[in-house]
Protein backbone atom coordinates (compact mmCIF):
# COMPACT_ATOMS: atom_id res chain seq x y z
CA UNK A 1 -15.29 -37.66 3.12
CA UNK A 2 -15.74 -41.17 1.12
CA UNK A 3 -18.85 -41.51 -1.38
CA UNK A 4 -21.22 -42.98 0.89
CA UNK A 5 -24.39 -44.65 -0.28
CA UNK A 6 -27.03 -42.23 1.27
CA UNK A 7 -25.62 -37.97 1.38
CA UNK A 8 -26.84 -36.99 4.96
CA UNK A 9 -28.72 -34.13 4.43
CA UNK A 10 -29.12 -32.65 8.38
CA UNK A 11 -26.92 -31.90 11.00
CA UNK A 12 -27.56 -34.56 13.23
CA UNK A 13 -27.47 -37.25 9.92
CA UNK A 14 -24.14 -35.67 9.61
CA UNK A 15 -23.01 -36.76 12.96
CA UNK A 16 -24.04 -40.18 12.50
CA UNK A 17 -22.53 -40.30 9.04
CA UNK A 18 -18.94 -39.23 10.21
CA UNK A 19 -19.38 -40.78 13.21
CA UNK A 20 -19.95 -44.67 11.50
CA UNK A 21 -17.40 -43.48 8.96
CA UNK A 22 -14.37 -42.67 11.60
CA UNK A 23 -14.14 -38.86 9.53
CA UNK A 24 -13.32 -36.18 11.95
CA UNK A 25 -15.76 -32.93 11.78
CA UNK A 26 -16.52 -29.72 13.18
CA UNK A 27 -20.01 -28.99 15.00
CA UNK A 28 -20.99 -25.17 13.97
CA UNK A 29 -23.66 -23.86 16.48
CA UNK A 30 -25.20 -20.35 16.02
CA UNK A 31 -25.46 -19.41 19.56
CA UNK A 32 -26.57 -16.17 20.02
CA UNK A 33 -28.79 -13.35 17.78
CA UNK A 34 -28.46 -10.11 18.07
CA UNK A 35 -30.80 -7.83 16.06
CA UNK A 36 -30.95 -9.08 12.29
CA UNK A 37 -29.26 -12.73 11.57
CA UNK A 38 -29.55 -15.27 8.50
CA UNK A 39 -30.23 -18.09 11.08
CA UNK A 40 -32.04 -18.28 14.74
CA UNK A 41 -30.20 -19.42 17.45
CA UNK A 42 -29.65 -23.27 17.81
CA UNK A 43 -28.81 -23.47 14.42
CA UNK A 44 -26.22 -26.20 13.20
CA UNK A 45 -24.15 -27.39 10.81
CA UNK A 46 -21.62 -29.80 10.24
CA UNK A 47 -18.22 -29.39 8.12
CA UNK A 48 -15.85 -31.99 7.39
CA UNK A 49 -12.06 -31.56 5.35
CA UNK A 50 -14.33 -32.22 1.88
CA UNK A 51 -18.03 -31.08 2.57
CA UNK A 52 -20.48 -29.04 4.53
CA UNK A 53 -23.92 -30.31 6.04
CA UNK A 54 -27.04 -28.51 6.97
CA UNK A 55 -26.91 -24.41 7.20
CA UNK A 56 -26.41 -21.56 9.40
CA UNK A 57 -27.80 -19.01 7.37
CA UNK A 58 -25.33 -19.04 3.63
CA UNK A 59 -23.58 -15.95 3.02
CA UNK A 60 -20.12 -14.46 4.16
CA UNK A 61 -20.84 -15.92 7.87
CA UNK A 62 -21.55 -19.43 6.72
CA UNK A 63 -18.22 -19.10 4.38
CA UNK A 64 -16.35 -17.92 7.30
CA UNK A 65 -17.85 -20.61 9.68
CA UNK A 66 -16.56 -23.23 7.27
CA UNK A 67 -13.61 -21.84 6.67
CA UNK A 68 -12.74 -21.43 10.34
CA UNK A 69 -14.04 -25.07 10.81
CA UNK A 70 -11.47 -26.91 8.26
CA UNK A 71 -8.37 -24.68 9.59
CA UNK A 72 -9.73 -26.36 12.87
CA UNK A 73 -9.50 -29.98 11.29
CA UNK A 74 -6.03 -29.19 10.43
CA UNK A 75 -4.77 -29.19 14.29
CA UNK A 76 -6.32 -32.88 14.30
CA UNK A 77 -6.94 -31.69 18.05
CA UNK A 78 -9.85 -31.81 19.94
CA UNK A 79 -11.34 -28.23 20.44
CA UNK A 80 -14.56 -25.96 21.49
CA UNK A 81 -13.72 -22.24 20.62
CA UNK A 82 -16.69 -19.85 20.64
CA UNK A 83 -16.29 -16.52 18.07
CA UNK A 84 -18.10 -13.35 17.52
CA UNK A 85 -19.37 -12.03 14.03
CA UNK A 86 -20.95 -8.44 13.56
CA UNK A 87 -22.32 -9.15 10.44
CA UNK A 88 -22.29 -6.36 8.79
CA UNK A 89 -19.19 -4.57 9.71
CA UNK A 90 -16.67 -7.11 9.60
CA UNK A 91 -18.69 -10.33 6.94
CA UNK A 92 -20.43 -6.86 5.04
CA UNK A 93 -23.52 -8.78 4.73
CA UNK A 94 -26.65 -6.48 5.11
CA UNK A 95 -28.81 -8.26 7.77
CA UNK A 96 -26.48 -5.44 10.43
CA UNK A 97 -27.38 -7.88 13.85
CA UNK A 98 -24.11 -9.97 14.99
CA UNK A 99 -24.50 -13.55 15.92
CA UNK A 100 -21.69 -15.85 18.42
CA UNK A 101 -21.11 -19.06 17.00
CA UNK A 102 -19.54 -22.08 18.78
CA UNK A 103 -17.03 -24.24 17.31
CA UNK A 104 -16.68 -27.87 18.53
CA UNK A 105 -14.33 -30.02 16.94
CA UNK A 106 -14.78 -34.20 17.37
CA UNK A 107 -11.35 -36.25 15.75
CA UNK A 108 -14.03 -38.87 15.54
CA UNK A 109 -11.16 -40.80 13.86
CA UNK A 110 -10.59 -44.65 15.43
CA UNK A 111 -8.61 -47.35 15.15
CA UNK A 112 -10.30 -50.38 13.34
CA UNK A 113 -9.93 -53.62 14.06
CA UNK A 114 -10.82 -56.62 12.08
CA UNK A 115 -11.12 -59.99 14.17
CA UNK A 116 -11.77 -63.38 12.36
CA UNK A 117 -13.45 -66.21 14.63
CA UNK A 118 -15.48 -66.44 17.07
CA UNK A 119 -14.13 -69.12 19.25
CA UNK A 120 -13.44 -69.44 23.05
CA UNK A 121 -10.62 -66.79 22.32
CA UNK A 122 -12.53 -64.18 20.73
CA UNK A 123 -15.31 -64.70 23.17
CA UNK A 124 -12.66 -63.10 25.69
CA UNK A 125 -10.71 -61.03 23.08
CA UNK A 126 -13.92 -58.60 21.95
CA UNK A 127 -15.18 -57.62 25.31
CA UNK A 128 -12.16 -56.38 26.01
CA UNK A 129 -10.90 -54.41 22.49
CA UNK A 130 -14.74 -53.11 22.32
CA UNK A 131 -13.49 -51.15 26.51
CA UNK A 132 -11.25 -49.57 23.59
CA UNK A 133 -10.94 -46.43 21.81
CA UNK A 134 -11.33 -48.26 18.48
CA UNK A 135 -14.47 -49.98 15.75
CA UNK A 136 -14.32 -53.83 15.63
CA UNK A 137 -15.82 -56.23 12.94
CA UNK A 138 -16.19 -59.21 14.25
CA UNK A 139 -16.20 -62.06 11.19
CA UNK A 140 -16.96 -65.89 11.64
CA UNK A 141 -19.30 -68.25 9.40
CA UNK A 142 -20.95 -70.07 12.66
CA UNK A 143 -23.69 -67.44 12.76
CA UNK A 144 -25.02 -69.53 15.79
CA UNK A 145 -22.08 -69.08 17.59
CA UNK A 146 -23.32 -65.29 17.81
CA UNK A 147 -27.04 -66.72 18.49
CA UNK A 148 -25.78 -68.11 21.58
CA UNK A 149 -24.62 -65.53 23.22
CA UNK A 150 -27.62 -63.16 22.65
CA UNK A 151 -27.91 -61.91 19.47
CA UNK A 152 -30.77 -61.22 17.79
CA UNK A 153 -31.23 -60.14 14.30
CA UNK A 154 -32.55 -61.72 11.41
CA UNK A 155 -30.29 -59.76 9.05
CA UNK A 156 -26.82 -62.63 8.76
CA UNK A 157 -25.49 -60.10 6.88
CA UNK A 158 -24.21 -57.60 9.38
CA UNK A 159 -25.39 -58.63 12.80
CA UNK A 160 -25.74 -56.25 15.76
CA UNK A 161 -23.85 -58.02 19.43
CA UNK A 162 -27.04 -56.49 21.97
CA UNK A 163 -24.43 -57.88 24.59
CA UNK A 164 -21.94 -55.14 23.32
CA UNK A 165 -21.10 -51.63 22.91
CA UNK A 166 -21.90 -50.16 19.13
CA UNK A 167 -18.67 -50.15 18.47
CA UNK A 168 -18.81 -54.02 17.56
CA UNK A 169 -20.42 -54.78 14.68
CA UNK A 170 -21.14 -58.97 13.65
CA UNK A 171 -20.63 -59.93 10.36
CA UNK A 172 -21.52 -63.53 9.61
CA UNK A 173 -19.63 -64.68 6.28
CA UNK A 174 -19.86 -67.99 5.04
CA UNK A 175 -16.03 -67.15 2.43
CA UNK A 176 -14.76 -65.19 5.80
CA UNK A 177 -11.89 -64.69 3.67
CA UNK A 178 -13.82 -62.34 1.25
CA UNK A 179 -13.87 -59.81 4.18
CA UNK A 180 -10.48 -58.74 3.72
CA UNK A 181 -11.42 -56.76 0.38
CA UNK A 182 -13.75 -54.71 2.15
CA UNK A 183 -11.49 -53.43 5.37
CA UNK A 184 -10.59 -50.04 5.03
CA UNK A 185 -6.78 -48.98 4.43
CA UNK A 186 -4.94 -49.08 8.03
CA UNK A 187 -7.40 -51.75 9.32
CA UNK A 188 -5.83 -54.16 11.74
CA UNK A 189 -6.74 -58.16 11.71
CA UNK A 190 -6.97 -59.92 14.39
CA UNK A 191 -6.95 -63.88 13.12
CA UNK A 192 -8.18 -66.61 15.54
CA UNK A 193 -10.67 -68.75 13.43
CA UNK A 194 -11.59 -72.79 14.38
CA UNK A 195 -9.22 -74.29 10.64
CA UNK A 196 -5.82 -74.25 9.48
CA UNK A 197 -6.52 -73.48 6.03
CA UNK A 198 -9.31 -70.58 6.34
CA UNK A 199 -6.38 -68.58 8.97
CA UNK A 200 -3.96 -69.21 6.13
CA UNK A 201 -6.63 -67.98 3.26
CA UNK A 202 -7.10 -64.65 5.17
CA UNK A 203 -3.43 -64.57 5.78
CA UNK A 204 -2.62 -64.80 2.25
CA UNK A 205 -5.86 -62.08 1.36
CA UNK A 206 -4.07 -59.85 3.72
CA UNK A 207 -0.93 -59.65 2.56
CA UNK A 208 -2.05 -58.76 -0.60
CA UNK A 209 -3.10 -55.37 0.72
CA UNK A 210 0.22 -53.60 1.51
CA UNK A 211 -2.17 -50.69 3.06
CA UNK A 212 -3.01 -53.13 5.70
CA UNK A 213 -0.46 -53.17 8.29
CA UNK A 214 -0.80 -55.65 10.98
CA UNK A 215 -2.17 -59.29 10.11
CA UNK A 216 -2.06 -61.10 13.63
CA UNK A 217 -2.40 -64.51 13.71
CA UNK A 218 -3.35 -66.98 16.40
CA UNK A 219 -1.57 -70.39 16.57
CA UNK A 220 1.77 -72.33 17.59
CA UNK A 221 5.29 -71.40 17.02
CA UNK A 222 5.37 -74.85 14.30
CA UNK A 223 1.98 -73.25 13.19
CA UNK A 224 3.44 -69.93 12.23
CA UNK A 225 6.38 -71.30 10.83
CA UNK A 226 4.95 -73.13 8.30
CA UNK A 227 2.48 -70.58 7.44
CA UNK A 228 5.45 -67.93 6.59
CA UNK A 229 7.66 -70.81 4.89
CA UNK A 230 4.78 -71.33 2.63
CA UNK A 231 4.26 -68.02 2.03
CA UNK A 232 7.40 -66.74 0.77
CA UNK A 233 6.75 -69.85 -1.31
CA UNK A 234 4.38 -68.05 -2.95
CA UNK A 235 5.70 -65.10 -3.59
CA UNK A 236 5.22 -62.70 -0.61
CA UNK A 237 8.82 -60.44 0.55
CA UNK A 238 9.99 -59.67 3.68
CA UNK A 239 8.63 -56.02 3.42
CA UNK A 240 5.58 -58.32 3.16
CA UNK A 241 6.02 -60.54 5.77
CA UNK A 242 7.33 -58.01 8.24
CA UNK A 243 3.22 -57.38 8.69
CA UNK A 244 2.54 -60.84 10.11
CA UNK A 245 2.29 -60.48 13.65
CA UNK A 246 2.10 -64.36 14.47
CA UNK A 247 1.70 -66.01 17.57
CA UNK A 248 -0.32 -62.85 18.08
CA UNK A 249 0.07 -60.89 21.59
CA UNK A 250 2.28 -59.98 24.37
CA UNK A 251 4.59 -63.35 24.78
CA UNK A 252 5.58 -61.20 28.97
CA UNK A 253 2.46 -62.42 29.65
CA UNK A 254 1.48 -65.66 30.51
CA UNK A 255 -1.53 -67.97 31.03
CA UNK A 256 -3.42 -70.93 29.52
CA UNK A 257 -6.95 -70.20 29.61
CA UNK A 258 -8.73 -67.81 26.89
CA UNK A 259 -8.72 -65.57 28.73
CA UNK A 260 -5.01 -64.79 29.46
CA UNK A 261 -4.53 -65.42 25.94
CA UNK A 262 -7.28 -63.01 25.42
CA UNK A 263 -5.26 -60.61 27.20
CA UNK A 264 -2.15 -61.42 26.37
CA UNK A 265 -3.28 -59.98 22.39
CA UNK A 266 -5.22 -57.54 23.88
CA UNK A 267 -1.96 -56.27 25.37
CA UNK A 268 0.01 -56.00 22.12
CA UNK A 269 -2.94 -54.39 20.49
CA UNK A 270 -3.19 -51.10 23.46
CA UNK A 271 0.71 -51.16 22.63
CA UNK A 272 -0.18 -50.39 19.29
CA UNK A 273 -2.92 -47.74 19.84
CA UNK A 274 0.18 -45.57 22.13
CA UNK A 275 2.91 -46.17 19.91
CA UNK A 276 0.43 -44.92 16.97
CA UNK A 277 -1.11 -41.98 19.09
CA UNK A 278 2.54 -41.29 19.78
CA UNK A 279 3.58 -40.50 16.06
CA UNK A 280 0.01 -38.88 15.17
CA UNK A 281 -3.01 -40.89 13.72
CA UNK A 282 -4.13 -40.90 10.71
CA UNK A 283 -7.02 -42.05 8.36
CA UNK A 284 -5.31 -44.45 5.92
CA UNK A 285 -2.11 -46.41 6.57
CA UNK A 286 0.94 -43.87 7.08
CA UNK A 287 4.09 -45.54 5.48
CA UNK A 288 6.09 -43.78 7.91
CA UNK A 289 4.18 -45.79 10.93
CA UNK A 290 7.04 -48.46 10.95
CA UNK A 291 6.14 -51.29 12.38
CA UNK A 292 9.60 -51.48 13.67
CA UNK A 293 9.25 -49.59 16.48
CA UNK A 294 5.93 -51.63 16.50
CA UNK A 295 7.96 -54.93 17.13
CA UNK A 296 10.15 -53.23 19.40
CA UNK A 297 7.37 -51.91 21.57
CA UNK A 298 5.82 -55.62 22.23
CA UNK A 299 8.25 -57.33 22.00
CA UNK A 300 6.88 -59.44 19.00
CA UNK A 301 8.88 -61.39 15.63
CA UNK A 302 7.38 -63.12 13.40
CA UNK A 303 9.93 -65.29 12.56
CA UNK A 304 11.76 -64.87 16.04
CA UNK A 305 9.55 -64.93 19.05
CA UNK A 306 9.75 -66.71 21.29
CA UNK A 307 6.59 -68.99 21.22
CA UNK A 308 5.31 -68.02 24.83
CA UNK A 309 1.56 -66.81 23.59
CA UNK A 310 1.15 -69.03 20.84
CA UNK A 311 2.30 -72.21 23.97
CA UNK A 312 -0.66 -70.84 25.81
CA UNK A 313 -2.55 -70.84 23.74
CA UNK A 314 -2.26 -73.72 22.20
CA UNK A 315 -2.84 -75.52 25.56
CA UNK A 316 -6.10 -73.41 26.24
CA UNK A 317 -7.48 -74.37 22.94
CA UNK A 318 -7.15 -77.90 23.46
CA UNK A 319 -8.57 -78.04 26.70
CA UNK A 320 -11.58 -75.86 25.34
CA UNK A 321 -11.59 -78.46 22.53
CA UNK A 322 -11.09 -77.40 19.71
CA UNK A 323 -8.23 -78.04 16.89
CA UNK A 324 -4.63 -76.80 18.77
CA UNK A 325 -3.62 -73.28 16.97
CA UNK A 326 -6.88 -71.76 16.70
CA UNK A 327 -10.08 -71.15 18.65
């Protein structure tokens, strides 16, 4: 498990911590007790790949339960299983009773998506993405865009959007490109800001991290070519540029409105999620997870895409009264 700023001490704190940080865990529960046993019915503990939180009584029972839980975690599959433990004959504990232990495996990893920009397209996109099994960080420098949509929180560094589910975290940052360095390995970026130069700074920062496998950028085909040329002159090689998806979106989905562009982007990301699921998800970027396959699945190429989605985006943005190629 990661090094957290606080350490959970109880099983329910452990679950909250694991879910917050996308860590798979097993909830271990004593469901019945016969005779003498270390803990009573209902005692629980949380087991991850690297630590255990709370206790079901210690001793050989707990040691065996932790080992069993970690075996279950290796399968990377959700599972619920009941095991019986005669304490004296099987585990050599002097209590002499017997317990039944329920193992509930929770593979809680969710893909993290960082959405940069809170304009018209992002306002349509985030509610769609929030219905998927993902965690979203929504970043913009303009607090008013979030305030106008129902946010009420004095802490402007990490706001909770009351109109969206708990899997959306809002960050107001005057220099959004600085947030790139805070992203966990394997995060996907969707860059939809109101400023071409800011788009470029975020893109450039993201391509410096090979652990960020998907950098999606909104805009016209002309903007895409200009960015790629500039990045090439800055020394980014083909391997880095292969992680840049611009114009972002599935070109088979037409439309000029922000919602239509949002659906196009969502379609591409959904295809990526299913491609990732087919290969088997991990909690870090997997070098074997080639985006050649993903490009084929979504029919997107950074250098030669037809630009259908970009054209729709530019028109939608023009109608919305914002800069072409941005939101």
